[in-house]
Amino acid sequence: MRVDTRYGNKLISTAYNTKLIGTYANSTLSWATHIDPTIHKLGTAYYAVKSVKPFMSQKTLRMVNHAYFYPNVNQNNILAEHSI
């Protein structure tokens, strides 16, 4: 269903995909638009941590883990907590 939205005399275009506060959303409100890029980011982070693991201490690896994984996983928990 197509709905024309106007503000004043100007037509506002429809956005089928958008990113808001780090979370992707689409016009069907499916999580797939958000999950696919997040999985890619987490896979890249996993590879980075795995590659440097033999050369770093546990403490340094923990910092790398928090720098790469935590922001991608935790952002939606923060949004969910504030939406209730």
PDB file of N, CA and C in Angstrom:
ATOM      1  N   MET A   1       0.847  -1.175   0.000  1.00  0.00           N
ATOM      2  CA  MET A   1       0.000   0.000   0.000  1.00  0.00           C
ATOM      3  C   MET A   1       0.892   1.237   0.000  1.00  0.00           C
ATOM      4  N   ARG A   2       0.660   2.115  -0.920  1.00  0.00           N
ATOM      5  CA  ARG A   2       1.448   3.336  -1.027  1.00  0.00           C
ATOM      6  C   ARG A   2       0.640   4.505  -0.453  1.00  0.00           C
ATOM      7  N   VAL A   3       1.277   5.235   0.439  1.00  0.00           N
ATOM      8  CA  VAL A   3       0.625   6.390   1.050  1.00  0.00           C
ATOM      9  C   VAL A   3       1.492   7.612   0.763  1.00  0.00           C
ATOM     10  N   ASP A   4       0.904   8.615   0.161  1.00  0.00           N
ATOM     11  CA  ASP A   4       1.633   9.866  -0.084  1.00  0.00           C
ATOM     12  C   ASP A   4       1.532  10.740   1.158  1.00  0.00           C
ATOM     13  N   THR A   5       2.683  11.138   1.669  1.00  0.00           N
ATOM     14  CA  THR A   5       2.733  11.984   2.847  1.00  0.00           C
ATOM     15  C   THR A   5       3.242  13.351   2.434  1.00  0.00           C
ATOM     16  N   ARG A   6       2.565  14.360   2.876  1.00  0.00           N
ATOM     17  CA  ARG A   6       2.952  15.726   2.510  1.00  0.00           C
ATOM     18  C   ARG A   6       3.130  16.576   3.749  1.00  0.00           C
ATOM     19  N   TYR A   7       4.046  17.511   3.638  1.00  0.00           N
ATOM     20  CA  TYR A   7       4.235  18.539   4.657  1.00  0.00           C
ATOM     21  C   TYR A   7       4.179  19.861   3.920  1.00  0.00           C
ATOM     22  N   GLY A   8       3.158  20.623   4.194  1.00  0.00           N
ATOM     23  CA  GLY A   8       2.929  21.822   3.388  1.00  0.00           C
ATOM     24  C   GLY A   8       2.542  21.364   1.987  1.00  0.00           C
ATOM     25  N   ASN A   9       3.238  21.852   0.986  1.00  0.00           N
ATOM     26  CA  ASN A   9       2.982  21.427  -0.385  1.00  0.00           C
ATOM     27  C   ASN A   9       4.048  20.456  -0.890  1.00  0.00           C
ATOM     28  N   LYS A  10       4.928  20.010  -0.004  1.00  0.00           N
ATOM     29  CA  LYS A  10       6.025  19.150  -0.436  1.00  0.00           C
ATOM     30  C   LYS A  10       5.743  17.690  -0.098  1.00  0.00           C
ATOM     31  N   LEU A  11       6.020  16.813  -1.062  1.00  0.00           N
ATOM     32  CA  LEU A  11       5.868  15.381  -0.872  1.00  0.00           C
ATOM     33  C   LEU A  11       7.074  14.842  -0.114  1.00  0.00           C
ATOM     34  N   ILE A  12       6.830  14.082   0.939  1.00  0.00           N
ATOM     35  CA  ILE A  12       7.900  13.455   1.718  1.00  0.00           C
ATOM     36  C   ILE A  12       8.097  12.055   1.168  1.00  0.00           C
ATOM     37  N   SER A  13       9.324  11.735   0.771  1.00  0.00           N
ATOM     38  CA  SER A  13       9.576  10.422   0.186  1.00  0.00           C
ATOM     39  C   SER A  13       9.558   9.327   1.254  1.00  0.00           C
ATOM     40  N   THR A  14       9.196   8.138   0.834  1.00  0.00           N
ATOM     41  CA  THR A  14       9.126   6.995   1.735  1.00  0.00           C
ATOM     42  C   THR A  14      10.498   6.378   1.884  1.00  0.00           C
ATOM     43  N   ALA A  15      10.899   6.089   3.108  1.00  0.00           N
ATOM     44  CA  ALA A  15      12.155   5.397   3.375  1.00  0.00           C
ATOM     45  C   ALA A  15      11.827   3.951   3.706  1.00  0.00           C
ATOM     46  N   TYR A  16      12.345   3.034   2.905  1.00  0.00           N
ATOM     47  CA  TYR A  16      12.055   1.624   3.135  1.00  0.00           C
ATOM     48  C   TYR A  16      13.032   0.998   4.135  1.00  0.00           C
ATOM     49  N   ASN A  17      14.212   1.573   4.262  1.00  0.00           N
ATOM     50  CA  ASN A  17      15.198   1.147   5.249  1.00  0.00           C
ATOM     51  C   ASN A  17      15.807   2.392   5.868  1.00  0.00           C
ATOM     52  N   THR A  18      16.061   2.335   7.167  1.00  0.00           N
ATOM     53  CA  THR A  18      16.700   3.467   7.830  1.00  0.00           C
ATOM     54  C   THR A  18      17.491   2.967   9.031  1.00  0.00           C
ATOM     55  N   LYS A  19      18.411   3.784   9.475  1.00  0.00           N
ATOM     56  CA  LYS A  19      19.195   3.462  10.658  1.00  0.00           C
ATOM     57  C   LYS A  19      18.935   4.560  11.683  1.00  0.00           C
ATOM     58  N   LEU A  20      18.507   4.156  12.873  1.00  0.00           N
ATOM     59  CA  LEU A  20      18.188   5.100  13.927  1.00  0.00           C
ATOM     60  C   LEU A  20      18.887   4.653  15.203  1.00  0.00           C
ATOM     61  N   ILE A  21      19.754   5.478  15.721  1.00  0.00           N
ATOM     62  CA  ILE A  21      20.507   5.205  16.948  1.00  0.00           C
ATOM     63  C   ILE A  21      21.199   3.835  16.867  1.00  0.00           C
ATOM     64  N   GLY A  22      21.787   3.537  15.711  1.00  0.00           N
ATOM     65  CA  GLY A  22      22.544   2.302  15.555  1.00  0.00           C
ATOM     66  C   GLY A  22      21.718   1.075  15.264  1.00  0.00           C
ATOM     67  N   THR A  23      20.410   1.199  15.188  1.00  0.00           N
ATOM     68  CA  THR A  23      19.542   0.060  14.909  1.00  0.00           C
ATOM     69  C   THR A  23      18.874   0.269  13.556  1.00  0.00           C
ATOM     70  N   TYR A  24      19.004  -0.738  12.708  1.00  0.00           N
ATOM     71  CA  TYR A  24      18.381  -0.676  11.384  1.00  0.00           C
ATOM     72  C   TYR A  24      16.921  -1.079  11.483  1.00  0.00           C
ATOM     73  N   ALA A  25      16.090  -0.424  10.719  1.00  0.00           N
ATOM     74  CA  ALA A  25      14.672  -0.771  10.653  1.00  0.00           C
ATOM     75  C   ALA A  25      14.238  -0.693   9.198  1.00  0.00           C
ATOM     76  N   ASN A  26      13.239  -1.496   8.849  1.00  0.00           N
ATOM     77  CA  ASN A  26      12.699  -1.416   7.500  1.00  0.00           C
ATOM     78  C   ASN A  26      11.191  -1.221   7.560  1.00  0.00           C
ATOM     79  N   SER A  27      10.598  -1.078   6.410  1.00  0.00           N
ATOM     80  CA  SER A  27       9.172  -0.747   6.357  1.00  0.00           C
ATOM     81  C   SER A  27       8.284  -1.884   6.854  1.00  0.00           C
ATOM     82  N   THR A  28       8.817  -3.111   6.932  1.00  0.00           N
ATOM     83  CA  THR A  28       8.020  -4.234   7.427  1.00  0.00           C
ATOM     84  C   THR A  28       8.306  -4.528   8.900  1.00  0.00           C
ATOM     85  N   LEU A  29       9.178  -3.735   9.515  1.00  0.00           N
ATOM     86  CA  LEU A  29       9.592  -3.901  10.909  1.00  0.00           C
ATOM     87  C   LEU A  29      10.209  -5.276  11.174  1.00  0.00           C
ATOM     88  N   SER A  30      10.924  -5.780  10.173  1.00  0.00           N
ATOM     89  CA  SER A  30      11.637  -7.046  10.296  1.00  0.00           C
ATOM     90  C   SER A  30      13.012  -6.796  10.903  1.00  0.00           C
ATOM     91  N   TRP A  31      13.497  -7.733  11.716  1.00  0.00           N
ATOM     92  CA  TRP A  31      14.820  -7.598  12.326  1.00  0.00           C
ATOM     93  C   TRP A  31      15.942  -7.956  11.354  1.00  0.00           C
ATOM     94  N   ALA A  32      15.631  -8.572  10.228  1.00  0.00           N
ATOM     95  CA  ALA A  32      16.661  -9.011   9.283  1.00  0.00           C
ATOM     96  C   ALA A  32      17.537  -7.852   8.817  1.00  0.00           C
ATOM     97  N   THR A  33      16.961  -6.703   8.610  1.00  0.00           N
ATOM     98  CA  THR A  33      17.730  -5.539   8.170  1.00  0.00           C
ATOM     99  C   THR A  33      18.769  -5.145   9.208  1.00  0.00           C
ATOM    100  N   HIS A  34      18.490  -5.379  10.472  1.00  0.00           N
ATOM    101  CA  HIS A  34      19.429  -5.054  11.542  1.00  0.00           C
ATOM    102  C   HIS A  34      20.397  -6.201  11.823  1.00  0.00           C
ATOM    103  N   ILE A  35      19.902  -7.419  11.803  1.00  0.00           N
ATOM    104  CA  ILE A  35      20.714  -8.575  12.179  1.00  0.00           C
ATOM    105  C   ILE A  35      21.835  -8.835  11.181  1.00  0.00           C
ATOM    106  N   ASP A  36      21.575  -8.730   9.894  1.00  0.00           N
ATOM    107  CA  ASP A  36      22.599  -9.030   8.885  1.00  0.00           C
ATOM    108  C   ASP A  36      23.855  -8.173   9.038  1.00  0.00           C
ATOM    109  N   PRO A  37      23.762  -6.842   9.129  1.00  0.00           N
ATOM    110  CA  PRO A  37      24.985  -6.054   9.338  1.00  0.00           C
ATOM    111  C   PRO A  37      25.637  -6.306  10.695  1.00  0.00           C
ATOM    112  N   THR A  38      24.821  -6.574  11.717  1.00  0.00           N
ATOM    113  CA  THR A  38      25.376  -6.840  13.044  1.00  0.00           C
ATOM    114  C   THR A  38      26.175  -8.138  13.041  1.00  0.00           C
ATOM    115  N   ILE A  39      25.677  -9.171  12.381  1.00  0.00           N
ATOM    116  CA  ILE A  39      26.407 -10.436  12.276  1.00  0.00           C
ATOM    117  C   ILE A  39      27.728 -10.216  11.551  1.00  0.00           C
ATOM    118  N   HIS A  40      27.700  -9.418  10.509  1.00  0.00           N
ATOM    119  CA  HIS A  40      28.939  -9.123   9.774  1.00  0.00           C
ATOM    120  C   HIS A  40      29.958  -8.416  10.682  1.00  0.00           C
ATOM    121  N   LYS A  41      29.503  -7.434  11.449  1.00  0.00           N
ATOM    122  CA  LYS A  41      30.399  -6.714  12.369  1.00  0.00           C
ATOM    123  C   LYS A  41      30.974  -7.645  13.423  1.00  0.00           C
ATOM    124  N   LEU A  42      30.131  -8.520  13.976  1.00  0.00           N
ATOM    125  CA  LEU A  42      30.593  -9.451  15.002  1.00  0.00           C
ATOM    126  C   LEU A  42      31.563 -10.476  14.430  1.00  0.00           C
ATOM    127  N   GLY A  43      31.331 -10.911  13.198  1.00  0.00           N
ATOM    128  CA  GLY A  43      32.260 -11.836  12.545  1.00  0.00           C
ATOM    129  C   GLY A  43      33.614 -11.195  12.323  1.00  0.00           C
ATOM    130  N   THR A  44      33.622  -9.939  11.917  1.00  0.00           N
ATOM    131  CA  THR A  44      34.869  -9.195  11.731  1.00  0.00           C
ATOM    132  C   THR A  44      35.587  -9.022  13.061  1.00  0.00           C
ATOM    133  N   ALA A  45      34.845  -8.712  14.098  1.00  0.00           N
ATOM    134  CA  ALA A  45      35.444  -8.553  15.426  1.00  0.00           C
ATOM    135  C   ALA A  45      36.027  -9.871  15.919  1.00  0.00           C
ATOM    136  N   TYR A  46      35.308 -10.966  15.704  1.00  0.00           N
ATOM    137  CA  TYR A  46      35.795 -12.281  16.112  1.00  0.00           C
ATOM    138  C   TYR A  46      37.116 -12.602  15.420  1.00  0.00           C
ATOM    139  N   TYR A  47      37.172 -12.356  14.120  1.00  0.00           N
ATOM    140  CA  TYR A  47      38.398 -12.617  13.371  1.00  0.00           C
ATOM    141  C   TYR A  47      39.557 -11.768  13.897  1.00  0.00           C
ATOM    142  N   ALA A  48      39.289 -10.504  14.193  1.00  0.00           N
ATOM    143  CA  ALA A  48      40.336  -9.614  14.711  1.00  0.00           C
ATOM    144  C   ALA A  48      40.874 -10.117  16.042  1.00  0.00           C
ATOM    145  N   VAL A  49      39.988 -10.509  16.942  1.00  0.00           N
ATOM    146  CA  VAL A  49      40.408 -10.996  18.255  1.00  0.00           C
ATOM    147  C   VAL A  49      41.159 -12.317  18.106  1.00  0.00           C
ATOM    148  N   LYS A  50      40.654 -13.211  17.273  1.00  0.00           N
ATOM    149  CA  LYS A  50      41.296 -14.500  17.063  1.00  0.00           C
ATOM    150  C   LYS A  50      42.689 -14.339  16.462  1.00  0.00           C
ATOM    151  N   SER A  51      42.850 -13.351  15.583  1.00  0.00           N
ATOM    152  CA  SER A  51      44.140 -13.121  14.929  1.00  0.00           C
ATOM    153  C   SER A  51      45.213 -12.616  15.889  1.00  0.00           C
ATOM    154  N   VAL A  52      44.823 -11.800  16.864  1.00  0.00           N
ATOM    155  CA  VAL A  52      45.808 -11.214  17.778  1.00  0.00           C
ATOM    156  C   VAL A  52      45.949 -11.997  19.083  1.00  0.00           C
ATOM    157  N   LYS A  53      45.111 -12.995  19.285  1.00  0.00           N
ATOM    158  CA  LYS A  53      45.102 -13.745  20.542  1.00  0.00           C
ATOM    159  C   LYS A  53      46.474 -14.312  20.935  1.00  0.00           C
ATOM    160  N   PRO A  54      47.251 -14.894  20.006  1.00  0.00           N
ATOM    161  CA  PRO A  54      48.548 -15.450  20.408  1.00  0.00           C
ATOM    162  C   PRO A  54      49.561 -14.398  20.860  1.00  0.00           C
ATOM    163  N   PHE A  55      49.319 -13.146  20.551  1.00  0.00           N
ATOM    164  CA  PHE A  55      50.298 -12.097  20.799  1.00  0.00           C
ATOM    165  C   PHE A  55      49.950 -11.175  21.957  1.00  0.00           C
ATOM    166  N   MET A  56      48.800 -11.380  22.585  1.00  0.00           N
ATOM    167  CA  MET A  56      48.343 -10.445  23.617  1.00  0.00           C
ATOM    168  C   MET A  56      47.996 -11.161  24.917  1.00  0.00           C
ATOM    169  N   SER A  57      48.062 -10.408  25.991  1.00  0.00           N
ATOM    170  CA  SER A  57      47.692 -10.938  27.303  1.00  0.00           C
ATOM    171  C   SER A  57      46.170 -11.025  27.416  1.00  0.00           C
ATOM    172  N   GLN A  58      45.702 -11.751  28.421  1.00  0.00           N
ATOM    173  CA  GLN A  58      44.266 -11.864  28.674  1.00  0.00           C
ATOM    174  C   GLN A  58      43.633 -10.500  28.933  1.00  0.00           C
ATOM    175  N   LYS A  59      44.342  -9.649  29.652  1.00  0.00           N
ATOM    176  CA  LYS A  59      43.819  -8.322  29.972  1.00  0.00           C
ATOM    177  C   LYS A  59      43.626  -7.492  28.700  1.00  0.00           C
ATOM    178  N   THR A  60      44.614  -7.537  27.814  1.00  0.00           N
ATOM    179  CA  THR A  60      44.522  -6.791  26.554  1.00  0.00           C
ATOM    180  C   THR A  60      43.422  -7.364  25.674  1.00  0.00           C
ATOM    181  N   LEU A  61      43.312  -8.689  25.623  1.00  0.00           N
ATOM    182  CA  LEU A  61      42.252  -9.315  24.830  1.00  0.00           C
ATOM    183  C   LEU A  61      40.872  -8.930  25.351  1.00  0.00           C
ATOM    184  N   ARG A  62      40.749  -8.816  26.659  1.00  0.00           N
ATOM    185  CA  ARG A  62      39.476  -8.396  27.252  1.00  0.00           C
ATOM    186  C   ARG A  62      39.130  -6.973  26.802  1.00  0.00           C
ATOM    187  N   MET A  63      40.124  -6.106  26.756  1.00  0.00           N
ATOM    188  CA  MET A  63      39.874  -4.727  26.291  1.00  0.00           C
ATOM    189  C   MET A  63      39.482  -4.712  24.819  1.00  0.00           C
ATOM    190  N   VAL A  64      40.160  -5.524  24.006  1.00  0.00           N
ATOM    191  CA  VAL A  64      39.820  -5.610  22.581  1.00  0.00           C
ATOM    192  C   VAL A  64      38.402  -6.152  22.427  1.00  0.00           C
ATOM    193  N   ASN A  65      38.078  -7.170  23.201  1.00  0.00           N
ATOM    194  CA  ASN A  65      36.735  -7.739  23.172  1.00  0.00           C
ATOM    195  C   ASN A  65      35.682  -6.684  23.484  1.00  0.00           C
ATOM    196  N   HIS A  66      35.896  -5.913  24.535  1.00  0.00           N
ATOM    197  CA  HIS A  66      34.927  -4.867  24.900  1.00  0.00           C
ATOM    198  C   HIS A  66      34.865  -3.763  23.847  1.00  0.00           C
ATOM    199  N   ALA A  67      35.962  -3.514  23.185  1.00  0.00           N
ATOM    200  CA  ALA A  67      35.963  -2.471  22.152  1.00  0.00           C
ATOM    201  C   ALA A  67      35.220  -2.904  20.897  1.00  0.00           C
ATOM    202  N   TYR A  68      35.333  -4.192  20.530  1.00  0.00           N
ATOM    203  CA  TYR A  68      34.731  -4.662  19.282  1.00  0.00           C
ATOM    204  C   TYR A  68      33.346  -5.281  19.470  1.00  0.00           C
ATOM    205  N   PHE A  69      33.192  -6.171  20.441  1.00  0.00           N
ATOM    206  CA  PHE A  69      31.943  -6.905  20.599  1.00  0.00           C
ATOM    207  C   PHE A  69      30.879  -6.126  21.360  1.00  0.00           C
ATOM    208  N   TYR A  70      31.239  -5.610  22.497  1.00  0.00           N
ATOM    209  CA  TYR A  70      30.285  -5.009  23.423  1.00  0.00           C
ATOM    210  C   TYR A  70      29.409  -3.923  22.789  1.00  0.00           C
ATOM    211  N   PRO A  71      29.973  -2.986  22.033  1.00  0.00           N
ATOM    212  CA  PRO A  71      29.102  -1.939  21.447  1.00  0.00           C
ATOM    213  C   PRO A  71      28.055  -2.508  20.493  1.00  0.00           C
ATOM    214  N   ASN A  72      28.405  -3.543  19.737  1.00  0.00           N
ATOM    215  CA  ASN A  72      27.459  -4.112  18.775  1.00  0.00           C
ATOM    216  C   ASN A  72      26.374  -4.943  19.433  1.00  0.00           C
ATOM    217  N   VAL A  73      26.694  -5.606  20.507  1.00  0.00           N
ATOM    218  CA  VAL A  73      25.730  -6.463  21.181  1.00  0.00           C
ATOM    219  C   VAL A  73      24.886  -5.671  22.170  1.00  0.00           C
ATOM    220  N   ASN A  74      25.483  -4.740  22.865  1.00  0.00           N
ATOM    221  CA  ASN A  74      24.812  -4.054  23.965  1.00  0.00           C
ATOM    222  C   ASN A  74      23.912  -2.906  23.523  1.00  0.00           C
ATOM    223  N   GLN A  75      24.095  -2.342  22.348  1.00  0.00           N
ATOM    224  CA  GLN A  75      23.313  -1.168  21.951  1.00  0.00           C
ATOM    225  C   GLN A  75      21.819  -1.439  21.978  1.00  0.00           C
ATOM    226  N   ASN A  76      21.392  -2.626  21.586  1.00  0.00           N
ATOM    227  CA  ASN A  76      19.961  -2.913  21.567  1.00  0.00           C
ATOM    228  C   ASN A  76      19.421  -3.197  22.957  1.00  0.00           C
ATOM    229  N   ASN A  77      20.246  -3.689  23.860  1.00  0.00           N
ATOM    230  CA  ASN A  77      19.807  -3.870  25.233  1.00  0.00           C
ATOM    231  C   ASN A  77      19.519  -2.521  25.873  1.00  0.00           C
ATOM    232  N   ILE A  78      20.364  -1.543  25.602  1.00  0.00           N
ATOM    233  CA  ILE A  78      20.151  -0.199  26.128  1.00  0.00           C
ATOM    234  C   ILE A  78      18.853   0.398  25.585  1.00  0.00           C
ATOM    235  N   LEU A  79      18.622   0.228  24.270  1.00  0.00           N
ATOM    236  CA  LEU A  79      17.403   0.761  23.675  1.00  0.00           C
ATOM    237  C   LEU A  79      16.166   0.055  24.238  1.00  0.00           C
ATOM    238  N   ALA A  80      16.244  -1.245  24.436  1.00  0.00           N
ATOM    239  CA  ALA A  80      15.101  -2.001  24.957  1.00  0.00           C
ATOM    240  C   ALA A  80      14.767  -1.573  26.377  1.00  0.00           C
ATOM    241  N   GLU A  81      15.792  -1.329  27.193  1.00  0.00           N
ATOM    242  CA  GLU A  81      15.554  -0.914  28.582  1.00  0.00           C
ATOM    243  C   GLU A  81      14.822   0.421  28.652  1.00  0.00           C
ATOM    244  N   HIS A  82      15.151   1.327  27.742  1.00  0.00           N
ATOM    245  CA  HIS A  82      14.553   2.663  27.783  1.00  0.00           C
ATOM    246  C   HIS A  82      13.217   2.744  27.071  1.00  0.00           C
ATOM    247  N   SER A  83      12.832   1.699  26.358  1.00  0.00           N
ATOM    248  CA  SER A  83      11.560   1.749  25.647  1.00  0.00           C
ATOM    249  C   SER A  83      10.397   1.221  26.480  1.00  0.00           C
ATOM    250  N   ILE A  84      10.715   0.629  27.618  1.00  0.00           N
ATOM    251  CA  ILE A  84       9.662   0.048  28.461  1.00  0.00           C
ATOM    252  C   ILE A  84       9.005   1.112  29.307  1.00  0.00           C
TER     253      ILE A  84
END
